[in-house]
Amino acid sequence: MIKKLKIIYTLIFISSLLLAIVSLIDYTLTNINIKWAVFVLGVIIMILSLTGYYLVEKSTLTILANTEKKISKRK
């Protein structure tokens, strides 16, 4: 489950990065202000996906630490 969440957040980050790059290229070629909105949206999605990935990673480390504590208490 956690590995799937990490893969999903990674794919979201990569796709929003590509969206931001393409919108910047399109903006430099056509010079329309709407493209900046797409770029900002891509950056916001990247930040949210990185935050989600970080939270999943942090919860994984917390779960591992708690499991190790339980195992050490049993011994």
PDB file of N, CA and C in Angstrom:
ATOM      1  N   MET A   1       0.822  -1.194   0.000  1.00  0.00           N
ATOM      2  CA  MET A   1       0.000   0.000   0.000  1.00  0.00           C
ATOM      3  C   MET A   1       0.867   1.259   0.000  1.00  0.00           C
ATOM      4  N   ILE A   2       1.856   1.275   0.887  1.00  0.00           N
ATOM      5  CA  ILE A   2       2.719   2.451   0.985  1.00  0.00           C
ATOM      6  C   ILE A   2       3.560   2.597  -0.275  1.00  0.00           C
ATOM      7  N   LYS A   3       4.027   1.479  -0.818  1.00  0.00           N
ATOM      8  CA  LYS A   3       4.817   1.532  -2.044  1.00  0.00           C
ATOM      9  C   LYS A   3       3.973   2.062  -3.206  1.00  0.00           C
ATOM     10  N   LYS A   4       2.693   1.669  -3.251  1.00  0.00           N
ATOM     11  CA  LYS A   4       1.805   2.163  -4.298  1.00  0.00           C
ATOM     12  C   LYS A   4       1.582   3.666  -4.159  1.00  0.00           C
ATOM     13  N   LEU A   5       1.434   4.139  -2.920  1.00  0.00           N
ATOM     14  CA  LEU A   5       1.268   5.582  -2.707  1.00  0.00           C
ATOM     15  C   LEU A   5       2.497   6.350  -3.170  1.00  0.00           C
ATOM     16  N   LYS A   6       3.673   5.819  -2.877  1.00  0.00           N
ATOM     17  CA  LYS A   6       4.901   6.480  -3.317  1.00  0.00           C
ATOM     18  C   LYS A   6       4.972   6.539  -4.840  1.00  0.00           C
ATOM     19  N   ILE A   7       4.590   5.450  -5.498  1.00  0.00           N
ATOM     20  CA  ILE A   7       4.605   5.424  -6.961  1.00  0.00           C
ATOM     21  C   ILE A   7       3.609   6.437  -7.520  1.00  0.00           C
ATOM     22  N   ILE A   8       2.428   6.519  -6.918  1.00  0.00           N
ATOM     23  CA  ILE A   8       1.417   7.472  -7.381  1.00  0.00           C
ATOM     24  C   ILE A   8       1.914   8.906  -7.226  1.00  0.00           C
ATOM     25  N   TYR A   9       2.482   9.232  -6.056  1.00  0.00           N
ATOM     26  CA  TYR A   9       2.991  10.590  -5.850  1.00  0.00           C
ATOM     27  C   TYR A   9       4.152  10.897  -6.793  1.00  0.00           C
ATOM     28  N   THR A  10       4.987   9.914  -7.074  1.00  0.00           N
ATOM     29  CA  THR A  10       6.092  10.127  -8.006  1.00  0.00           C
ATOM     30  C   THR A  10       5.569  10.389  -9.410  1.00  0.00           C
ATOM     31  N   LEU A  11       4.586   9.630  -9.850  1.00  0.00           N
ATOM     32  CA  LEU A  11       4.010   9.840 -11.178  1.00  0.00           C
ATOM     33  C   LEU A  11       3.315  11.196 -11.283  1.00  0.00           C
ATOM     34  N   ILE A  12       2.614  11.596 -10.225  1.00  0.00           N
ATOM     35  CA  ILE A  12       1.976  12.919 -10.224  1.00  0.00           C
ATOM     36  C   ILE A  12       3.028  14.011 -10.330  1.00  0.00           C
ATOM     37  N   PHE A  13       4.138  13.854  -9.589  1.00  0.00           N
ATOM     38  CA  PHE A  13       5.197  14.858  -9.633  1.00  0.00           C
ATOM     39  C   PHE A  13       5.801  14.950 -11.027  1.00  0.00           C
ATOM     40  N   ILE A  14       6.104  13.814 -11.631  1.00  0.00           N
ATOM     41  CA  ILE A  14       6.725  13.815 -12.956  1.00  0.00           C
ATOM     42  C   ILE A  14       5.780  14.414 -13.995  1.00  0.00           C
ATOM     43  N   SER A  15       4.504  14.053 -13.937  1.00  0.00           N
ATOM     44  CA  SER A  15       3.560  14.598 -14.914  1.00  0.00           C
ATOM     45  C   SER A  15       3.360  16.100 -14.741  1.00  0.00           C
ATOM     46  N   SER A  16       3.319  16.578 -13.497  1.00  0.00           N
ATOM     47  CA  SER A  16       3.166  18.022 -13.299  1.00  0.00           C
ATOM     48  C   SER A  16       4.441  18.767 -13.672  1.00  0.00           C
ATOM     49  N   LEU A  17       5.594  18.133 -13.500  1.00  0.00           N
ATOM     50  CA  LEU A  17       6.847  18.741 -13.950  1.00  0.00           C
ATOM     51  C   LEU A  17       6.848  18.887 -15.467  1.00  0.00           C
ATOM     52  N   LEU A  18       6.416  17.849 -16.164  1.00  0.00           N
ATOM     53  CA  LEU A  18       6.318  17.934 -17.623  1.00  0.00           C
ATOM     54  C   LEU A  18       5.301  18.987 -18.047  1.00  0.00           C
ATOM     55  N   LEU A  19       4.192  19.079 -17.328  1.00  0.00           N
ATOM     56  CA  LEU A  19       3.184  20.099 -17.618  1.00  0.00           C
ATOM     57  C   LEU A  19       3.767  21.499 -17.468  1.00  0.00           C
ATOM     58  N   ALA A  20       4.539  21.712 -16.404  1.00  0.00           N
ATOM     59  CA  ALA A  20       5.146  23.024 -16.182  1.00  0.00           C
ATOM     60  C   ALA A  20       6.161  23.349 -17.271  1.00  0.00           C
ATOM     61  N   ILE A  21       6.968  22.372 -17.658  1.00  0.00           N
ATOM     62  CA  ILE A  21       7.976  22.604 -18.702  1.00  0.00           C
ATOM     63  C   ILE A  21       7.305  22.921 -20.036  1.00  0.00           C
ATOM     64  N   VAL A  22       6.291  22.140 -20.397  1.00  0.00           N
ATOM     65  CA  VAL A  22       5.593  22.371 -21.666  1.00  0.00           C
ATOM     66  C   VAL A  22       4.891  23.720 -21.663  1.00  0.00           C
ATOM     67  N   SER A  23       4.303  24.109 -20.539  1.00  0.00           N
ATOM     68  CA  SER A  23       3.619  25.403 -20.502  1.00  0.00           C
ATOM     69  C   SER A  23       4.607  26.555 -20.624  1.00  0.00           C
ATOM     70  N   LEU A  24       5.808  26.397 -20.051  1.00  0.00           N
ATOM     71  CA  LEU A  24       6.822  27.445 -20.223  1.00  0.00           C
ATOM     72  C   LEU A  24       7.296  27.532 -21.666  1.00  0.00           C
ATOM     73  N   ILE A  25       7.492  26.391 -22.297  1.00  0.00           N
ATOM     74  CA  ILE A  25       7.910  26.396 -23.705  1.00  0.00           C
ATOM     75  C   ILE A  25       6.825  27.031 -24.564  1.00  0.00           C
ATOM     76  N   ASP A  26       5.579  26.665 -24.307  1.00  0.00           N
ATOM     77  CA  ASP A  26       4.468  27.227 -25.063  1.00  0.00           C
ATOM     78  C   ASP A  26       4.329  28.725 -24.799  1.00  0.00           C
ATOM     79  N   TYR A  27       4.596  29.155 -23.561  1.00  0.00           N
ATOM     80  CA  TYR A  27       4.511  30.580 -23.239  1.00  0.00           C
ATOM     81  C   TYR A  27       5.569  31.375 -23.998  1.00  0.00           C
ATOM     82  N   THR A  28       6.776  30.825 -24.082  1.00  0.00           N
ATOM     83  CA  THR A  28       7.833  31.560 -24.780  1.00  0.00           C
ATOM     84  C   THR A  28       7.558  31.639 -26.276  1.00  0.00           C
ATOM     85  N   LEU A  29       6.820  30.675 -26.820  1.00  0.00           N
ATOM     86  CA  LEU A  29       6.532  30.703 -28.251  1.00  0.00           C
ATOM     87  C   LEU A  29       5.321  31.562 -28.592  1.00  0.00           C
ATOM     88  N   THR A  30       4.286  31.560 -27.747  1.00  0.00           N
ATOM     89  CA  THR A  30       3.057  32.278 -28.094  1.00  0.00           C
ATOM     90  C   THR A  30       2.836  33.544 -27.281  1.00  0.00           C
ATOM     91  N   ASN A  31       3.453  33.647 -26.103  1.00  0.00           N
ATOM     92  CA  ASN A  31       3.365  34.828 -25.251  1.00  0.00           C
ATOM     93  C   ASN A  31       1.922  35.149 -24.846  1.00  0.00           C
ATOM     94  N   ILE A  32       1.231  34.134 -24.343  1.00  0.00           N
ATOM     95  CA  ILE A  32      -0.133  34.312 -23.834  1.00  0.00           C
ATOM     96  C   ILE A  32      -0.087  34.134 -22.319  1.00  0.00           C
ATOM     97  N   ASN A  33      -0.768  35.003 -21.588  1.00  0.00           N
ATOM     98  CA  ASN A  33      -0.700  34.979 -20.126  1.00  0.00           C
ATOM     99  C   ASN A  33      -1.399  33.780 -19.497  1.00  0.00           C
ATOM    100  N   ILE A  34      -2.276  33.115 -20.222  1.00  0.00           N
ATOM    101  CA  ILE A  34      -2.958  31.942 -19.672  1.00  0.00           C
ATOM    102  C   ILE A  34      -1.950  30.839 -19.370  1.00  0.00           C
ATOM    103  N   LYS A  35      -0.880  30.788 -20.104  1.00  0.00           N
ATOM    104  CA  LYS A  35       0.114  29.732 -19.905  1.00  0.00           C
ATOM    105  C   LYS A  35       0.768  29.839 -18.531  1.00  0.00           C
ATOM    106  N   TRP A  36       0.851  31.037 -17.987  1.00  0.00           N
ATOM    107  CA  TRP A  36       1.410  31.182 -16.639  1.00  0.00           C
ATOM    108  C   TRP A  36       0.518  30.509 -15.609  1.00  0.00           C
ATOM    109  N   ALA A  37      -0.789  30.558 -15.832  1.00  0.00           N
ATOM    110  CA  ALA A  37      -1.709  29.882 -14.910  1.00  0.00           C
ATOM    111  C   ALA A  37      -1.474  28.375 -14.925  1.00  0.00           C
ATOM    112  N   VAL A  38      -1.229  27.825 -16.098  1.00  0.00           N
ATOM    113  CA  VAL A  38      -0.943  26.393 -16.205  1.00  0.00           C
ATOM    114  C   VAL A  38       0.379  26.074 -15.522  1.00  0.00           C
ATOM    115  N   PHE A  39       1.373  26.939 -15.692  1.00  0.00           N
ATOM    116  CA  PHE A  39       2.670  26.724 -15.047  1.00  0.00           C
ATOM    117  C   PHE A  39       2.532  26.753 -13.523  1.00  0.00           C
ATOM    118  N   VAL A  40       1.814  27.750 -13.014  1.00  0.00           N
ATOM    119  CA  VAL A  40       1.622  27.861 -11.564  1.00  0.00           C
ATOM    120  C   VAL A  40       0.843  26.655 -11.043  1.00  0.00           C
ATOM    121  N   LEU A  41      -0.160  26.214 -11.784  1.00  0.00           N
ATOM    122  CA  LEU A  41      -0.908  25.022 -11.393  1.00  0.00           C
ATOM    123  C   LEU A  41       0.004  23.797 -11.346  1.00  0.00           C
ATOM    124  N   GLY A  42       0.894  23.662 -12.328  1.00  0.00           N
ATOM    125  CA  GLY A  42       1.851  22.552 -12.325  1.00  0.00           C
ATOM    126  C   GLY A  42       2.777  22.604 -11.131  1.00  0.00           C
ATOM    127  N   VAL A  43       3.239  23.793 -10.774  1.00  0.00           N
ATOM    128  CA  VAL A  43       4.129  23.938  -9.618  1.00  0.00           C
ATOM    129  C   VAL A  43       3.384  23.609  -8.319  1.00  0.00           C
ATOM    130  N   ILE A  44       2.146  24.054  -8.205  1.00  0.00           N
ATOM    131  CA  ILE A  44       1.358  23.748  -7.006  1.00  0.00           C
ATOM    132  C   ILE A  44       1.143  22.240  -6.879  1.00  0.00           C
ATOM    133  N   ILE A  45       0.840  21.588  -7.993  1.00  0.00           N
ATOM    134  CA  ILE A  45       0.659  20.133  -7.964  1.00  0.00           C
ATOM    135  C   ILE A  45       1.965  19.443  -7.581  1.00  0.00           C
ATOM    136  N   MET A  46       3.103  19.945  -8.075  1.00  0.00           N
ATOM    137  CA  MET A  46       4.397  19.365  -7.696  1.00  0.00           C
ATOM    138  C   MET A  46       4.628  19.495  -6.198  1.00  0.00           C
ATOM    139  N   ILE A  47       4.333  20.659  -5.643  1.00  0.00           N
ATOM    140  CA  ILE A  47       4.531  20.873  -4.206  1.00  0.00           C
ATOM    141  C   ILE A  47       3.626  19.945  -3.396  1.00  0.00           C
ATOM    142  N   LEU A  48       2.372  19.804  -3.814  1.00  0.00           N
ATOM    143  CA  LEU A  48       1.451  18.916  -3.104  1.00  0.00           C
ATOM    144  C   LEU A  48       1.884  17.456  -3.196  1.00  0.00           C
ATOM    145  N   SER A  49       2.374  17.042  -4.365  1.00  0.00           N
ATOM    146  CA  SER A  49       2.806  15.650  -4.494  1.00  0.00           C
ATOM    147  C   SER A  49       4.065  15.388  -3.689  1.00  0.00           C
ATOM    148  N   LEU A  50       4.979  16.358  -3.638  1.00  0.00           N
ATOM    149  CA  LEU A  50       6.169  16.189  -2.801  1.00  0.00           C
ATOM    150  C   LEU A  50       5.791  16.129  -1.322  1.00  0.00           C
ATOM    151  N   THR A  51       4.819  16.939  -0.923  1.00  0.00           N
ATOM    152  CA  THR A  51       4.352  16.900   0.464  1.00  0.00           C
ATOM    153  C   THR A  51       3.726  15.549   0.791  1.00  0.00           C
ATOM    154  N   GLY A  52       2.911  15.035  -0.120  1.00  0.00           N
ATOM    155  CA  GLY A  52       2.310  13.718   0.089  1.00  0.00           C
ATOM    156  C   GLY A  52       3.348  12.620   0.159  1.00  0.00           C
ATOM    157  N   TYR A  53       4.341  12.677  -0.729  1.00  0.00           N
ATOM    158  CA  TYR A  53       5.411  11.677  -0.710  1.00  0.00           C
ATOM    159  C   TYR A  53       6.177  11.750   0.604  1.00  0.00           C
ATOM    160  N   TYR A  54       6.455  12.970   1.067  1.00  0.00           N
ATOM    161  CA  TYR A  54       7.173  13.149   2.336  1.00  0.00           C
ATOM    162  C   TYR A  54       6.362  12.591   3.504  1.00  0.00           C
ATOM    163  N   LEU A  55       5.058  12.845   3.508  1.00  0.00           N
ATOM    164  CA  LEU A  55       4.217  12.339   4.595  1.00  0.00           C
ATOM    165  C   LEU A  55       4.149  10.813   4.591  1.00  0.00           C
ATOM    166  N   VAL A  56       4.089  10.216   3.404  1.00  0.00           N
ATOM    167  CA  VAL A  56       4.088   8.755   3.317  1.00  0.00           C
ATOM    168  C   VAL A  56       5.416   8.205   3.816  1.00  0.00           C
ATOM    169  N   GLU A  57       6.511   8.841   3.416  1.00  0.00           N
ATOM    170  CA  GLU A  57       7.839   8.398   3.861  1.00  0.00           C
ATOM    171  C   GLU A  57       7.974   8.540   5.379  1.00  0.00           C
ATOM    172  N   LYS A  58       7.480   9.647   5.914  1.00  0.00           N
ATOM    173  CA  LYS A  58       7.561   9.881   7.355  1.00  0.00           C
ATOM    174  C   LYS A  58       6.726   8.858   8.120  1.00  0.00           C
ATOM    175  N   SER A  59       5.537   8.559   7.621  1.00  0.00           N
ATOM    176  CA  SER A  59       4.699   7.566   8.294  1.00  0.00           C
ATOM    177  C   SER A  59       5.315   6.180   8.205  1.00  0.00           C
ATOM    178  N   THR A  60       5.990   5.887   7.099  1.00  0.00           N
ATOM    179  CA  THR A  60       6.677   4.602   6.966  1.00  0.00           C
ATOM    180  C   THR A  60       7.775   4.479   8.006  1.00  0.00           C
ATOM    181  N   LEU A  61       8.546   5.535   8.176  1.00  0.00           N
ATOM    182  CA  LEU A  61       9.621   5.504   9.167  1.00  0.00           C
ATOM    183  C   LEU A  61       9.063   5.383  10.578  1.00  0.00           C
ATOM    184  N   THR A  62       7.943   6.048  10.843  1.00  0.00           N
ATOM    185  CA  THR A  62       7.312   5.954  12.162  1.00  0.00           C
ATOM    186  C   THR A  62       6.808   4.538  12.419  1.00  0.00           C
ATOM    187  N   ILE A  63       6.199   3.938  11.409  1.00  0.00           N
ATOM    188  CA  ILE A  63       5.701   2.565  11.552  1.00  0.00           C
ATOM    189  C   ILE A  63       6.863   1.607  11.796  1.00  0.00           C
ATOM    190  N   LEU A  64       7.960   1.787  11.062  1.00  0.00           N
ATOM    191  CA  LEU A  64       9.124   0.919  11.255  1.00  0.00           C
ATOM    192  C   LEU A  64       9.722   1.093  12.641  1.00  0.00           C
ATOM    193  N   ALA A  65       9.790   2.331  13.113  1.00  0.00           N
ATOM    194  CA  ALA A  65      10.351   2.582  14.443  1.00  0.00           C
ATOM    195  C   ALA A  65       9.473   1.958  15.523  1.00  0.00           C
ATOM    196  N   ASN A  66       8.164   2.096  15.388  1.00  0.00           N
ATOM    197  CA  ASN A  66       7.252   1.505  16.373  1.00  0.00           C
ATOM    198  C   ASN A  66       7.322  -0.017  16.351  1.00  0.00           C
ATOM    199  N   THR A  67       7.471  -0.591  15.167  1.00  0.00           N
ATOM    200  CA  THR A  67       7.585  -2.046  15.056  1.00  0.00           C
ATOM    201  C   THR A  67       8.864  -2.538  15.717  1.00  0.00           C
ATOM    202  N   GLU A  68       9.954  -1.808  15.501  1.00  0.00           N
ATOM    203  CA  GLU A  68      11.223  -2.195  16.126  1.00  0.00           C
ATOM    204  C   GLU A  68      11.141  -2.090  17.646  1.00  0.00           C
ATOM    205  N   LYS A  69      10.443  -1.086  18.156  1.00  0.00           N
ATOM    206  CA  LYS A  69      10.277  -0.947  19.607  1.00  0.00           C
ATOM    207  C   LYS A  69       9.483  -2.122  20.172  1.00  0.00           C
ATOM    208  N   LYS A  70       8.422  -2.519  19.464  1.00  0.00           N
ATOM    209  CA  LYS A  70       7.609  -3.642  19.923  1.00  0.00           C
ATOM    210  C   LYS A  70       8.412  -4.938  19.911  1.00  0.00           C
ATOM    211  N   ILE A  71       9.224  -5.122  18.880  1.00  0.00           N
ATOM    212  CA  ILE A  71      10.041  -6.335  18.789  1.00  0.00           C
ATOM    213  C   ILE A  71      11.079  -6.364  19.897  1.00  0.00           C
ATOM    214  N   SER A  72      11.702  -5.207  20.161  1.00  0.00           N
ATOM    215  CA  SER A  72      12.726  -5.172  21.208  1.00  0.00           C
ATOM    216  C   SER A  72      12.113  -5.372  22.599  1.00  0.00           C
ATOM    217  N   LYS A  73      10.878  -4.954  22.812  1.00  0.00           N
ATOM    218  CA  LYS A  73      10.209  -5.162  24.102  1.00  0.00           C
ATOM    219  C   LYS A  73       9.880  -6.637  24.314  1.00  0.00           C
ATOM    220  N   ARG A  74       9.604  -7.351  23.246  1.00  0.00           N
ATOM    221  CA  ARG A  74       9.274  -8.770  23.353  1.00  0.00           C
ATOM    222  C   ARG A  74      10.485  -9.603  23.750  1.00  0.00           C
ATOM    223  N   LYS A  75      11.661  -9.156  23.373  1.00  0.00           N
ATOM    224  CA  LYS A  75      12.881  -9.917  23.669  1.00  0.00           C
ATOM    225  C   LYS A  75      13.311  -9.665  25.041  1.00  0.00           C
TER     226      LYS A  75
END
